[in-house]
Amino acid sequence: MSGMTNSPLISIVDDDQSVRESLLDLLEVFGYTVKTFASAHEFLESSAIPNTHCLLLDISMPGMGGVDLNHELKRREIEIPVVFMTGQAQDAVINEAKKAGTCLFKPFASKELRSAIELAVNP
């Protein structure tokens, strides 16, 4: 595919390595540029922030979770569309996540993920 260098950058923040690897492979097949991060702090310290078109965020991670990371980005006045991912149904957290963006429940279908990202990248 031509123009791959201009494909939107999707940053994945998830503490589960197998999840990061499978999402990386899947999103590259969809034609996105992908960077993965094992923690919220790793993402916050990265140079990827200004180039990220969409953030795939795991809600529950050790230390700073996805919702907290999203709050921190807002506090820094950084606007990145977010797609939250969760394997747990904690109502309070999920409601907060849904207010901030889309929330996918693991395991989700690849087409669910793709449409959530396309909506975030091209609202």
PDB file of N, CA and C in Angstrom:
ATOM      1  N   MET A   1       0.843  -1.185   0.000  1.00  0.00           N
ATOM      2  CA  MET A   1       0.000   0.000   0.000  1.00  0.00           C
ATOM      3  C   MET A   1       0.886   1.245   0.000  1.00  0.00           C
ATOM      4  N   SER A   2       0.583   2.193  -0.878  1.00  0.00           N
ATOM      5  CA  SER A   2       1.401   3.391  -0.915  1.00  0.00           C
ATOM      6  C   SER A   2       0.899   4.382   0.116  1.00  0.00           C
ATOM      7  N   GLY A   3       1.748   5.317   0.495  1.00  0.00           N
ATOM      8  CA  GLY A   3       1.378   6.335   1.453  1.00  0.00           C
ATOM      9  C   GLY A   3       1.315   5.825   2.877  1.00  0.00           C
ATOM     10  N   MET A   4       1.975   4.709   3.153  1.00  0.00           N
ATOM     11  CA  MET A   4       1.943   4.146   4.497  1.00  0.00           C
ATOM     12  C   MET A   4       2.570   5.088   5.518  1.00  0.00           C
ATOM     13  N   THR A   5       3.556   5.890   5.075  1.00  0.00           N
ATOM     14  CA  THR A   5       4.220   6.787   6.011  1.00  0.00           C
ATOM     15  C   THR A   5       3.250   7.839   6.539  1.00  0.00           C
ATOM     16  N   ASN A   6       2.181   8.121   5.776  1.00  0.00           N
ATOM     17  CA  ASN A   6       1.202   9.106   6.211  1.00  0.00           C
ATOM     18  C   ASN A   6       0.038   8.478   6.967  1.00  0.00           C
ATOM     19  N   SER A   7       0.122   7.177   7.238  1.00  0.00           N
ATOM     20  CA  SER A   7      -1.004   6.553   7.920  1.00  0.00           C
ATOM     21  C   SER A   7      -1.051   7.040   9.363  1.00  0.00           C
ATOM     22  N   PRO A   8      -2.257   7.175   9.916  1.00  0.00           N
ATOM     23  CA  PRO A   8      -2.398   7.700  11.278  1.00  0.00           C
ATOM     24  C   PRO A   8      -1.662   6.833  12.291  1.00  0.00           C
ATOM     25  N   LEU A   9      -1.067   7.490  13.276  1.00  0.00           N
ATOM     26  CA  LEU A   9      -0.380   6.770  14.351  1.00  0.00           C
ATOM     27  C   LEU A   9      -1.376   6.412  15.448  1.00  0.00           C
ATOM     28  N   ILE A  10      -1.446   5.124  15.748  1.00  0.00           N
ATOM     29  CA  ILE A  10      -2.269   4.631  16.844  1.00  0.00           C
ATOM     30  C   ILE A  10      -1.310   4.206  17.951  1.00  0.00           C
ATOM     31  N   SER A  11      -1.468   4.781  19.142  1.00  0.00           N
ATOM     32  CA  SER A  11      -0.642   4.380  20.277  1.00  0.00           C
ATOM     33  C   SER A  11      -1.458   3.463  21.180  1.00  0.00           C
ATOM     34  N   ILE A  12      -0.870   2.325  21.521  1.00  0.00           N
ATOM     35  CA  ILE A  12      -1.538   1.335  22.367  1.00  0.00           C
ATOM     36  C   ILE A  12      -0.866   1.350  23.736  1.00  0.00           C
ATOM     37  N   VAL A  13      -1.659   1.525  24.787  1.00  0.00           N
ATOM     38  CA  VAL A  13      -1.128   1.463  26.145  1.00  0.00           C
ATOM     39  C   VAL A  13      -1.839   0.321  26.869  1.00  0.00           C
ATOM     40  N   ASP A  14      -1.114  -0.765  27.092  1.00  0.00           N
ATOM     41  CA  ASP A  14      -1.681  -1.940  27.763  1.00  0.00           C
ATOM     42  C   ASP A  14      -0.550  -2.673  28.468  1.00  0.00           C
ATOM     43  N   ASP A  15      -0.786  -3.088  29.711  1.00  0.00           N
ATOM     44  CA  ASP A  15       0.276  -3.758  30.466  1.00  0.00           C
ATOM     45  C   ASP A  15       0.455  -5.218  30.047  1.00  0.00           C
ATOM     46  N   ASP A  16      -0.450  -5.734  29.235  1.00  0.00           N
ATOM     47  CA  ASP A  16      -0.378  -7.139  28.800  1.00  0.00           C
ATOM     48  C   ASP A  16       0.353  -7.217  27.452  1.00  0.00           C
ATOM     49  N   GLN A  17       1.517  -7.827  27.468  1.00  0.00           N
ATOM     50  CA  GLN A  17       2.345  -7.891  26.265  1.00  0.00           C
ATOM     51  C   GLN A  17       1.660  -8.611  25.111  1.00  0.00           C
ATOM     52  N   SER A  18       0.927  -9.692  25.407  1.00  0.00           N
ATOM     53  CA  SER A  18       0.268 -10.438  24.324  1.00  0.00           C
ATOM     54  C   SER A  18      -0.816  -9.584  23.664  1.00  0.00           C
ATOM     55  N   VAL A  19      -1.499  -8.771  24.455  1.00  0.00           N
ATOM     56  CA  VAL A  19      -2.514  -7.867  23.908  1.00  0.00           C
ATOM     57  C   VAL A  19      -1.840  -6.830  23.013  1.00  0.00           C
ATOM     58  N   ARG A  20      -0.736  -6.236  23.503  1.00  0.00           N
ATOM     59  CA  ARG A  20      -0.011  -5.235  22.701  1.00  0.00           C
ATOM     60  C   ARG A  20       0.432  -5.830  21.372  1.00  0.00           C
ATOM     61  N   GLU A  21       0.985  -7.043  21.407  1.00  0.00           N
ATOM     62  CA  GLU A  21       1.498  -7.659  20.179  1.00  0.00           C
ATOM     63  C   GLU A  21       0.381  -7.987  19.198  1.00  0.00           C
ATOM     64  N   SER A  22      -0.730  -8.539  19.697  1.00  0.00           N
ATOM     65  CA  SER A  22      -1.801  -8.905  18.769  1.00  0.00           C
ATOM     66  C   SER A  22      -2.463  -7.667  18.176  1.00  0.00           C
ATOM     67  N   LEU A  23      -2.633  -6.603  18.993  1.00  0.00           N
ATOM     68  CA  LEU A  23      -3.217  -5.362  18.472  1.00  0.00           C
ATOM     69  C   LEU A  23      -2.285  -4.691  17.464  1.00  0.00           C
ATOM     70  N   LEU A  24      -0.992  -4.738  17.748  1.00  0.00           N
ATOM     71  CA  LEU A  24       0.005  -4.172  16.826  1.00  0.00           C
ATOM     72  C   LEU A  24      -0.106  -4.832  15.459  1.00  0.00           C
ATOM     73  N   ASP A  25      -0.117  -6.160  15.446  1.00  0.00           N
ATOM     74  CA  ASP A  25      -0.206  -6.904  14.179  1.00  0.00           C
ATOM     75  C   ASP A  25      -1.497  -6.571  13.440  1.00  0.00           C
ATOM     76  N   LEU A  26      -2.599  -6.564  14.179  1.00  0.00           N
ATOM     77  CA  LEU A  26      -3.908  -6.316  13.583  1.00  0.00           C
ATOM     78  C   LEU A  26      -3.986  -4.912  12.976  1.00  0.00           C
ATOM     79  N   LEU A  27      -3.534  -3.903  13.731  1.00  0.00           N
ATOM     80  CA  LEU A  27      -3.637  -2.525  13.260  1.00  0.00           C
ATOM     81  C   LEU A  27      -2.704  -2.248  12.084  1.00  0.00           C
ATOM     82  N   GLU A  28      -1.565  -2.938  12.050  1.00  0.00           N
ATOM     83  CA  GLU A  28      -0.675  -2.779  10.899  1.00  0.00           C
ATOM     84  C   GLU A  28      -1.322  -3.368   9.644  1.00  0.00           C
ATOM     85  N   VAL A  29      -2.063  -4.472   9.815  1.00  0.00           N
ATOM     86  CA  VAL A  29      -2.797  -5.060   8.693  1.00  0.00           C
ATOM     87  C   VAL A  29      -3.829  -4.054   8.168  1.00  0.00           C
ATOM     88  N   PHE A  30      -4.450  -3.308   9.098  1.00  0.00           N
ATOM     89  CA  PHE A  30      -5.425  -2.282   8.707  1.00  0.00           C
ATOM     90  C   PHE A  30      -4.759  -1.073   8.056  1.00  0.00           C
ATOM     91  N   GLY A  31      -3.432  -1.011   8.105  1.00  0.00           N
ATOM     92  CA  GLY A  31      -2.723   0.086   7.452  1.00  0.00           C
ATOM     93  C   GLY A  31      -2.330   1.244   8.355  1.00  0.00           C
ATOM     94  N   TYR A  32      -2.441   1.052   9.672  1.00  0.00           N
ATOM     95  CA  TYR A  32      -2.049   2.115  10.600  1.00  0.00           C
ATOM     96  C   TYR A  32      -0.577   1.988  10.979  1.00  0.00           C
ATOM     97  N   THR A  33       0.001   3.114  11.395  1.00  0.00           N
ATOM     98  CA  THR A  33       1.304   3.107  12.049  1.00  0.00           C
ATOM     99  C   THR A  33       0.998   2.882  13.527  1.00  0.00           C
ATOM    100  N   VAL A  34       1.771   2.020  14.193  1.00  0.00           N
ATOM    101  CA  VAL A  34       1.443   1.663  15.573  1.00  0.00           C
ATOM    102  C   VAL A  34       2.655   1.764  16.479  1.00  0.00           C
ATOM    103  N   LYS A  35       2.453   2.322  17.677  1.00  0.00           N
ATOM    104  CA  LYS A  35       3.473   2.282  18.728  1.00  0.00           C
ATOM    105  C   LYS A  35       2.810   1.693  19.960  1.00  0.00           C
ATOM    106  N   THR A  36       3.556   0.865  20.689  1.00  0.00           N
ATOM    107  CA  THR A  36       2.973   0.254  21.885  1.00  0.00           C
ATOM    108  C   THR A  36       3.741   0.682  23.130  1.00  0.00           C
ATOM    109  N   PHE A  37       3.015   0.760  24.230  1.00  0.00           N
ATOM    110  CA  PHE A  37       3.577   1.177  25.510  1.00  0.00           C
ATOM    111  C   PHE A  37       3.040   0.264  26.606  1.00  0.00           C
ATOM    112  N   ALA A  38       3.932  -0.145  27.515  1.00  0.00           N
ATOM    113  CA  ALA A  38       3.557  -1.083  28.567  1.00  0.00           C
ATOM    114  C   ALA A  38       2.896  -0.400  29.758  1.00  0.00           C
ATOM    115  N   SER A  39       2.977   0.935  29.809  1.00  0.00           N
ATOM    116  CA  SER A  39       2.378   1.648  30.940  1.00  0.00           C
ATOM    117  C   SER A  39       2.014   3.069  30.532  1.00  0.00           C
ATOM    118  N   ALA A  40       1.159   3.670  31.352  1.00  0.00           N
ATOM    119  CA  ALA A  40       0.759   5.059  31.130  1.00  0.00           C
ATOM    120  C   ALA A  40       1.981   5.968  31.200  1.00  0.00           C
ATOM    121  N   HIS A  41       2.859   5.705  32.166  1.00  0.00           N
ATOM    122  CA  HIS A  41       4.045   6.547  32.337  1.00  0.00           C
ATOM    123  C   HIS A  41       4.961   6.463  31.123  1.00  0.00           C
ATOM    124  N   GLU A  42       5.091   5.254  30.574  1.00  0.00           N
ATOM    125  CA  GLU A  42       5.928   5.071  29.384  1.00  0.00           C
ATOM    126  C   GLU A  42       5.387   5.931  28.236  1.00  0.00           C
ATOM    127  N   PHE A  43       4.059   5.969  28.097  1.00  0.00           N
ATOM    128  CA  PHE A  43       3.454   6.789  27.044  1.00  0.00           C
ATOM    129  C   PHE A  43       3.675   8.278  27.327  1.00  0.00           C
ATOM    130  N   LEU A  44       3.459   8.689  28.578  1.00  0.00           N
ATOM    131  CA  LEU A  44       3.597  10.104  28.942  1.00  0.00           C
ATOM    132  C   LEU A  44       5.019  10.620  28.721  1.00  0.00           C
ATOM    133  N   GLU A  45       6.010   9.715  28.826  1.00  0.00           N
ATOM    134  CA  GLU A  45       7.406  10.115  28.653  1.00  0.00           C
ATOM    135  C   GLU A  45       7.868   9.975  27.209  1.00  0.00           C
ATOM    136  N   SER A  46       6.975   9.523  26.329  1.00  0.00           N
ATOM    137  CA  SER A  46       7.380   9.236  24.952  1.00  0.00           C
ATOM    138  C   SER A  46       7.273  10.459  24.056  1.00  0.00           C
ATOM    139  N   SER A  47       7.895  10.357  22.895  1.00  0.00           N
ATOM    140  CA  SER A  47       7.788  11.433  21.901  1.00  0.00           C
ATOM    141  C   SER A  47       6.581  11.199  20.991  1.00  0.00           C
ATOM    142  N   ALA A  48       5.808  10.148  21.262  1.00  0.00           N
ATOM    143  CA  ALA A  48       4.678   9.792  20.392  1.00  0.00           C
ATOM    144  C   ALA A  48       3.459  10.685  20.602  1.00  0.00           C
ATOM    145  N   ILE A  49       3.374  11.332  21.771  1.00  0.00           N
ATOM    146  CA  ILE A  49       2.158  12.078  22.118  1.00  0.00           C
ATOM    147  C   ILE A  49       1.699  13.056  21.026  1.00  0.00           C
ATOM    148  N   PRO A  50       2.580  13.964  20.537  1.00  0.00           N
ATOM    149  CA  PRO A  50       2.074  14.948  19.564  1.00  0.00           C
ATOM    150  C   PRO A  50       1.660  14.335  18.229  1.00  0.00           C
ATOM    151  N   ASN A  51       2.130  13.114  17.932  1.00  0.00           N
ATOM    152  CA  ASN A  51       1.835  12.487  16.644  1.00  0.00           C
ATOM    153  C   ASN A  51       0.710  11.468  16.707  1.00  0.00           C
ATOM    154  N   THR A  52       0.216  11.175  17.909  1.00  0.00           N
ATOM    155  CA  THR A  52      -0.798  10.139  18.072  1.00  0.00           C
ATOM    156  C   THR A  52      -2.164  10.633  17.614  1.00  0.00           C
ATOM    157  N   HIS A  53      -2.778   9.883  16.681  1.00  0.00           N
ATOM    158  CA  HIS A  53      -4.110  10.226  16.172  1.00  0.00           C
ATOM    159  C   HIS A  53      -5.209   9.568  17.001  1.00  0.00           C
ATOM    160  N   CYS A  54      -4.864   8.445  17.644  1.00  0.00           N
ATOM    161  CA  CYS A  54      -5.839   7.730  18.459  1.00  0.00           C
ATOM    162  C   CYS A  54      -5.078   6.920  19.497  1.00  0.00           C
ATOM    163  N   LEU A  55      -5.624   6.881  20.691  1.00  0.00           N
ATOM    164  CA  LEU A  55      -4.995   6.189  21.800  1.00  0.00           C
ATOM    165  C   LEU A  55      -5.868   5.001  22.180  1.00  0.00           C
ATOM    166  N   LEU A  56      -5.293   3.792  22.127  1.00  0.00           N
ATOM    167  CA  LEU A  56      -5.997   2.592  22.591  1.00  0.00           C
ATOM    168  C   LEU A  56      -5.532   2.361  24.016  1.00  0.00           C
ATOM    169  N   LEU A  57      -6.436   2.504  24.962  1.00  0.00           N
ATOM    170  CA  LEU A  57      -6.059   2.520  26.367  1.00  0.00           C
ATOM    171  C   LEU A  57      -6.718   1.408  27.152  1.00  0.00           C
ATOM    172  N   ASP A  58      -5.899   0.621  27.833  1.00  0.00           N
ATOM    173  CA  ASP A  58      -6.439  -0.372  28.751  1.00  0.00           C
ATOM    174  C   ASP A  58      -6.903   0.375  29.999  1.00  0.00           C
ATOM    175  N   ILE A  59      -8.099   0.080  30.483  1.00  0.00           N
ATOM    176  CA  ILE A  59      -8.622   0.791  31.655  1.00  0.00           C
ATOM    177  C   ILE A  59      -7.874   0.407  32.920  1.00  0.00           C
ATOM    178  N   SER A  60      -7.681  -0.910  33.129  1.00  0.00           N
ATOM    179  CA  SER A  60      -7.053  -1.317  34.385  1.00  0.00           C
ATOM    180  C   SER A  60      -5.623  -1.771  34.154  1.00  0.00           C
ATOM    181  N   MET A  61      -4.692  -0.945  34.626  1.00  0.00           N
ATOM    182  CA  MET A  61      -3.270  -1.265  34.572  1.00  0.00           C
ATOM    183  C   MET A  61      -2.691  -0.953  35.937  1.00  0.00           C
ATOM    184  N   PRO A  62      -1.594  -1.622  36.295  1.00  0.00           N
ATOM    185  CA  PRO A  62      -0.942  -1.281  37.566  1.00  0.00           C
ATOM    186  C   PRO A  62      -0.485   0.177  37.531  1.00  0.00           C
ATOM    187  N   GLY A  63      -0.553   0.850  38.659  1.00  0.00           N
ATOM    188  CA  GLY A  63      -0.158   2.263  38.682  1.00  0.00           C
ATOM    189  C   GLY A  63      -1.268   3.098  38.084  1.00  0.00           C
ATOM    190  N   MET A  64      -0.938   3.852  37.041  1.00  0.00           N
ATOM    191  CA  MET A  64      -1.925   4.727  36.409  1.00  0.00           C
ATOM    192  C   MET A  64      -2.721   3.958  35.373  1.00  0.00           C
ATOM    193  N   GLY A  65      -4.047   3.892  35.561  1.00  0.00           N
ATOM    194  CA  GLY A  65      -4.909   3.210  34.601  1.00  0.00           C
ATOM    195  C   GLY A  65      -5.288   4.130  33.446  1.00  0.00           C
ATOM    196  N   GLY A  66      -6.066   3.589  32.516  1.00  0.00           N
ATOM    197  CA  GLY A  66      -6.422   4.333  31.314  1.00  0.00           C
ATOM    198  C   GLY A  66      -7.211   5.600  31.558  1.00  0.00           C
ATOM    199  N   VAL A  67      -8.180   5.544  32.481  1.00  0.00           N
ATOM    200  CA  VAL A  67      -8.998   6.720  32.757  1.00  0.00           C
ATOM    201  C   VAL A  67      -8.125   7.814  33.389  1.00  0.00           C
ATOM    202  N   ASP A  68      -7.228   7.401  34.292  1.00  0.00           N
ATOM    203  CA  ASP A  68      -6.316   8.360  34.920  1.00  0.00           C
ATOM    204  C   ASP A  68      -5.377   8.982  33.894  1.00  0.00           C
ATOM    205  N   LEU A  69      -4.885   8.175  32.974  1.00  0.00           N
ATOM    206  CA  LEU A  69      -4.008   8.689  31.919  1.00  0.00           C
ATOM    207  C   LEU A  69      -4.768   9.718  31.080  1.00  0.00           C
ATOM    208  N   ASN A  70      -6.012   9.409  30.750  1.00  0.00           N
ATOM    209  CA  ASN A  70      -6.815  10.343  29.967  1.00  0.00           C
ATOM    210  C   ASN A  70      -6.994  11.671  30.712  1.00  0.00           C
ATOM    211  N   HIS A  71      -7.230  11.590  32.041  1.00  0.00           N
ATOM    212  CA  HIS A  71      -7.336  12.810  32.859  1.00  0.00           C
ATOM    213  C   HIS A  71      -6.041  13.607  32.807  1.00  0.00           C
ATOM    214  N   GLU A  72      -4.926  12.899  32.897  1.00  0.00           N
ATOM    215  CA  GLU A  72      -3.620  13.562  32.890  1.00  0.00           C
ATOM    216  C   GLU A  72      -3.378  14.275  31.558  1.00  0.00           C
ATOM    217  N   LEU A  73      -3.737  13.635  30.448  1.00  0.00           N
ATOM    218  CA  LEU A  73      -3.585  14.269  29.132  1.00  0.00           C
ATOM    219  C   LEU A  73      -4.444  15.537  29.061  1.00  0.00           C
ATOM    220  N   LYS A  74      -5.678  15.452  29.558  1.00  0.00           N
ATOM    221  CA  LYS A  74      -6.573  16.618  29.549  1.00  0.00           C
ATOM    222  C   LYS A  74      -5.981  17.747  30.411  1.00  0.00           C
ATOM    223  N   ARG A  75      -5.414  17.352  31.563  1.00  0.00           N
ATOM    224  CA  ARG A  75      -4.807  18.339  32.466  1.00  0.00           C
ATOM    225  C   ARG A  75      -3.680  19.073  31.739  1.00  0.00           C
ATOM    226  N   ARG A  76      -2.963  18.333  30.883  1.00  0.00           N
ATOM    227  CA  ARG A  76      -1.870  18.926  30.099  1.00  0.00           C
ATOM    228  C   ARG A  76      -2.382  19.591  28.813  1.00  0.00           C
ATOM    229  N   GLU A  77      -3.706  19.628  28.661  1.00  0.00           N
ATOM    230  CA  GLU A  77      -4.361  20.203  27.481  1.00  0.00           C
ATOM    231  C   GLU A  77      -3.949  19.506  26.194  1.00  0.00           C
ATOM    232  N   ILE A  78      -3.821  18.180  26.290  1.00  0.00           N
ATOM    233  CA  ILE A  78      -3.508  17.357  25.121  1.00  0.00           C
ATOM    234  C   ILE A  78      -4.787  16.647  24.714  1.00  0.00           C
ATOM    235  N   GLU A  79      -5.233  16.899  23.486  1.00  0.00           N
ATOM    236  CA  GLU A  79      -6.479  16.301  23.007  1.00  0.00           C
ATOM    237  C   GLU A  79      -6.161  15.157  22.045  1.00  0.00           C
ATOM    238  N   ILE A  80      -6.348  13.929  22.505  1.00  0.00           N
ATOM    239  CA  ILE A  80      -6.175  12.761  21.642  1.00  0.00           C
ATOM    240  C   ILE A  80      -7.443  11.920  21.763  1.00  0.00           C
ATOM    241  N   PRO A  81      -8.060  11.553  20.627  1.00  0.00           N
ATOM    242  CA  PRO A  81      -9.226  10.662  20.717  1.00  0.00           C
ATOM    243  C   PRO A  81      -8.820   9.337  21.367  1.00  0.00           C
ATOM    244  N   VAL A  82      -9.666   8.839  22.252  1.00  0.00           N
ATOM    245  CA  VAL A  82      -9.341   7.632  23.015  1.00  0.00           C
ATOM    246  C   VAL A  82     -10.347   6.522  22.765  1.00  0.00           C
ATOM    247  N   VAL A  83      -9.836   5.306  22.603  1.00  0.00           N
ATOM    248  CA  VAL A  83     -10.683   4.116  22.618  1.00  0.00           C
ATOM    249  C   VAL A  83     -10.217   3.297  23.816  1.00  0.00           C
ATOM    250  N   PHE A  84     -11.083   3.162  24.812  1.00  0.00           N
ATOM    251  CA  PHE A  84     -10.740   2.389  26.005  1.00  0.00           C
ATOM    252  C   PHE A  84     -11.004   0.912  25.757  1.00  0.00           C
ATOM    253  N   MET A  85     -10.213   0.070  26.431  1.00  0.00           N
ATOM    254  CA  MET A  85     -10.413  -1.381  26.358  1.00  0.00           C
ATOM    255  C   MET A  85     -10.475  -1.900  27.793  1.00  0.00           C
ATOM    256  N   THR A  86     -11.343  -2.855  28.024  1.00  0.00           N
ATOM    257  CA  THR A  86     -11.388  -3.444  29.353  1.00  0.00           C
ATOM    258  C   THR A  86     -11.817  -4.902  29.300  1.00  0.00           C
ATOM    259  N   GLY A  87     -11.312  -5.665  30.231  1.00  0.00           N
ATOM    260  CA  GLY A  87     -11.717  -7.053  30.366  1.00  0.00           C
ATOM    261  C   GLY A  87     -12.654  -7.213  31.545  1.00  0.00           C
ATOM    262  N   GLN A  88     -12.890  -6.109  32.264  1.00  0.00           N
ATOM    263  CA  GLN A  88     -13.714  -6.169  33.465  1.00  0.00           C
ATOM    264  C   GLN A  88     -14.873  -5.208  33.354  1.00  0.00           C
ATOM    265  N   ALA A  89     -15.994  -5.602  33.899  1.00  0.00           N
ATOM    266  CA  ALA A  89     -17.172  -4.741  33.854  1.00  0.00           C
ATOM    267  C   ALA A  89     -17.334  -4.007  35.176  1.00  0.00           C
ATOM    268  N   GLN A  90     -16.543  -2.968  35.391  1.00  0.00           N
ATOM    269  CA  GLN A  90     -16.700  -2.125  36.580  1.00  0.00           C
ATOM    270  C   GLN A  90     -17.492  -0.910  36.136  1.00  0.00           C
ATOM    271  N   ASP A  91     -18.755  -0.861  36.553  1.00  0.00           N
ATOM    272  CA  ASP A  91     -19.672   0.149  36.021  1.00  0.00           C
ATOM    273  C   ASP A  91     -19.172   1.579  36.121  1.00  0.00           C
ATOM    274  N   ALA A  92     -18.691   1.967  37.295  1.00  0.00           N
ATOM    275  CA  ALA A  92     -18.297   3.360  37.508  1.00  0.00           C
ATOM    276  C   ALA A  92     -17.193   3.757  36.532  1.00  0.00           C
ATOM    277  N   VAL A  93     -16.187   2.906  36.427  1.00  0.00           N
ATOM    278  CA  VAL A  93     -15.049   3.194  35.551  1.00  0.00           C
ATOM    279  C   VAL A  93     -15.489   3.204  34.096  1.00  0.00           C
ATOM    280  N   ILE A  94     -16.317   2.243  33.722  1.00  0.00           N
ATOM    281  CA  ILE A  94     -16.765   2.137  32.331  1.00  0.00           C
ATOM    282  C   ILE A  94     -17.611   3.345  31.946  1.00  0.00           C
ATOM    283  N   ASN A  95     -18.484   3.795  32.862  1.00  0.00           N
ATOM    284  CA  ASN A  95     -19.295   4.982  32.570  1.00  0.00           C
ATOM    285  C   ASN A  95     -18.411   6.192  32.346  1.00  0.00           C
ATOM    286  N   GLU A  96     -17.370   6.312  33.152  1.00  0.00           N
ATOM    287  CA  GLU A  96     -16.445   7.430  33.002  1.00  0.00           C
ATOM    288  C   GLU A  96     -15.693   7.313  31.669  1.00  0.00           C
ATOM    289  N   ALA A  97     -15.302   6.093  31.338  1.00  0.00           N
ATOM    290  CA  ALA A  97     -14.600   5.858  30.073  1.00  0.00           C
ATOM    291  C   ALA A  97     -15.493   6.202  28.893  1.00  0.00           C
ATOM    292  N   LYS A  98     -16.757   5.803  28.968  1.00  0.00           N
ATOM    293  CA  LYS A  98     -17.683   6.075  27.857  1.00  0.00           C
ATOM    294  C   LYS A  98     -17.916   7.564  27.658  1.00  0.00           C
ATOM    295  N   LYS A  99     -17.827   8.331  28.752  1.00  0.00           N
ATOM    296  CA  LYS A  99     -17.974   9.781  28.634  1.00  0.00           C
ATOM    297  C   LYS A  99     -16.798  10.354  27.848  1.00  0.00           C
ATOM    298  N   ALA A 100     -15.643   9.742  28.019  1.00  0.00           N
ATOM    299  CA  ALA A 100     -14.416  10.269  27.409  1.00  0.00           C
ATOM    300  C   ALA A 100     -14.183   9.729  25.999  1.00  0.00           C
ATOM    301  N   GLY A 101     -14.790   8.605  25.680  1.00  0.00           N
ATOM    302  CA  GLY A 101     -14.550   8.012  24.368  1.00  0.00           C
ATOM    303  C   GLY A 101     -15.323   6.723  24.211  1.00  0.00           C
ATOM    304  N   THR A 102     -14.842   5.882  23.335  1.00  0.00           N
ATOM    305  CA  THR A 102     -15.478   4.590  23.098  1.00  0.00           C
ATOM    306  C   THR A 102     -14.881   3.594  24.088  1.00  0.00           C
ATOM    307  N   CYS A 103     -15.672   2.591  24.470  1.00  0.00           N
ATOM    308  CA  CYS A 103     -15.155   1.563  25.370  1.00  0.00           C
ATOM    309  C   CYS A 103     -15.453   0.189  24.780  1.00  0.00           C
ATOM    310  N   LEU A 104     -14.396  -0.566  24.505  1.00  0.00           N
ATOM    311  CA  LEU A 104     -14.542  -1.915  23.956  1.00  0.00           C
ATOM    312  C   LEU A 104     -14.294  -2.938  25.060  1.00  0.00           C
ATOM    313  N   PHE A 105     -15.065  -4.017  25.030  1.00  0.00           N
ATOM    314  CA  PHE A 105     -14.897  -5.062  26.032  1.00  0.00           C
ATOM    315  C   PHE A 105     -14.103  -6.216  25.443  1.00  0.00           C
ATOM    316  N   LYS A 106     -13.005  -6.581  26.121  1.00  0.00           N
ATOM    317  CA  LYS A 106     -12.186  -7.703  25.659  1.00  0.00           C
ATOM    318  C   LYS A 106     -12.927  -8.998  25.942  1.00  0.00           C
ATOM    319  N   PRO A 107     -12.860  -9.982  25.082  1.00  0.00           N
ATOM    320  CA  PRO A 107     -12.263  -9.909  23.744  1.00  0.00           C
ATOM    321  C   PRO A 107     -13.228  -9.257  22.767  1.00  0.00           C
ATOM    322  N   PHE A 108     -12.742  -8.325  21.951  1.00  0.00           N
ATOM    323  CA  PHE A 108     -13.599  -7.663  20.980  1.00  0.00           C
ATOM    324  C   PHE A 108     -13.237  -8.119  19.577  1.00  0.00           C
ATOM    325  N   ALA A 109     -14.175  -7.990  18.667  1.00  0.00           N
ATOM    326  CA  ALA A 109     -13.957  -8.381  17.272  1.00  0.00           C
ATOM    327  C   ALA A 109     -13.083  -7.341  16.593  1.00  0.00           C
ATOM    328  N   SER A 110     -12.281  -7.776  15.625  1.00  0.00           N
ATOM    329  CA  SER A 110     -11.399  -6.845  14.928  1.00  0.00           C
ATOM    330  C   SER A 110     -12.182  -5.748  14.218  1.00  0.00           C
ATOM    331  N   LYS A 111     -13.381  -6.090  13.716  1.00  0.00           N
ATOM    332  CA  LYS A 111     -14.157  -5.050  13.021  1.00  0.00           C
ATOM    333  C   LYS A 111     -14.704  -4.006  13.991  1.00  0.00           C
ATOM    334  N   GLU A 112     -14.990  -4.422  15.234  1.00  0.00           N
ATOM    335  CA  GLU A 112     -15.404  -3.474  16.279  1.00  0.00           C
ATOM    336  C   GLU A 112     -14.282  -2.478  16.535  1.00  0.00           C
ATOM    337  N   LEU A 113     -13.079  -3.027  16.666  1.00  0.00           N
ATOM    338  CA  LEU A 113     -11.907  -2.199  16.932  1.00  0.00           C
ATOM    339  C   LEU A 113     -11.669  -1.244  15.773  1.00  0.00           C
ATOM    340  N   ARG A 114     -11.726  -1.783  14.572  1.00  0.00           N
ATOM    341  CA  ARG A 114     -11.461  -0.956  13.391  1.00  0.00           C
ATOM    342  C   ARG A 114     -12.453   0.195  13.285  1.00  0.00           C
ATOM    343  N   SER A 115     -13.740  -0.077  13.494  1.00  0.00           N
ATOM    344  CA  SER A 115     -14.725   0.997  13.360  1.00  0.00           C
ATOM    345  C   SER A 115     -14.563   2.017  14.480  1.00  0.00           C
ATOM    346  N   ALA A 116     -14.211   1.583  15.685  1.00  0.00           N
ATOM    347  CA  ALA A 116     -13.991   2.516  16.799  1.00  0.00           C
ATOM    348  C   ALA A 116     -12.823   3.446  16.493  1.00  0.00           C
ATOM    349  N   ILE A 117     -11.747   2.883  15.935  1.00  0.00           N
ATOM    350  CA  ILE A 117     -10.568   3.694  15.597  1.00  0.00           C
ATOM    351  C   ILE A 117     -10.874   4.636  14.445  1.00  0.00           C
ATOM    352  N   GLU A 118     -11.569   4.138  13.428  1.00  0.00           N
ATOM    353  CA  GLU A 118     -11.880   4.996  12.277  1.00  0.00           C
ATOM    354  C   GLU A 118     -12.761   6.167  12.707  1.00  0.00           C
ATOM    355  N   LEU A 119     -13.670   5.919  13.621  1.00  0.00           N
ATOM    356  CA  LEU A 119     -14.529   6.974  14.140  1.00  0.00           C
ATOM    357  C   LEU A 119     -13.699   7.993  14.929  1.00  0.00           C
ATOM    358  N   ALA A 120     -12.723   7.510  15.691  1.00  0.00           N
ATOM    359  CA  ALA A 120     -11.876   8.401  16.493  1.00  0.00           C
ATOM    360  C   ALA A 120     -10.961   9.239  15.593  1.00  0.00           C
ATOM    361  N   VAL A 121     -10.398   8.604  14.555  1.00  0.00           N
ATOM    362  CA  VAL A 121      -9.450   9.274  13.671  1.00  0.00           C
ATOM    363  C   VAL A 121     -10.161  10.242  12.720  1.00  0.00           C
ATOM    364  N   ASN A 122     -11.345   9.845  12.230  1.00  0.00           N
ATOM    365  CA  ASN A 122     -12.124  10.707  11.323  1.00  0.00           C
ATOM    366  C   ASN A 122     -13.517  10.938  11.879  1.00  0.00           C
ATOM    367  N   PRO A 123     -13.643  11.804  12.886  1.00  0.00           N
ATOM    368  CA  PRO A 123     -14.955  11.985  13.523  1.00  0.00           C
ATOM    369  C   PRO A 123     -15.991  12.582  12.578  1.00  0.00           C
TER     370      PRO A 123
END
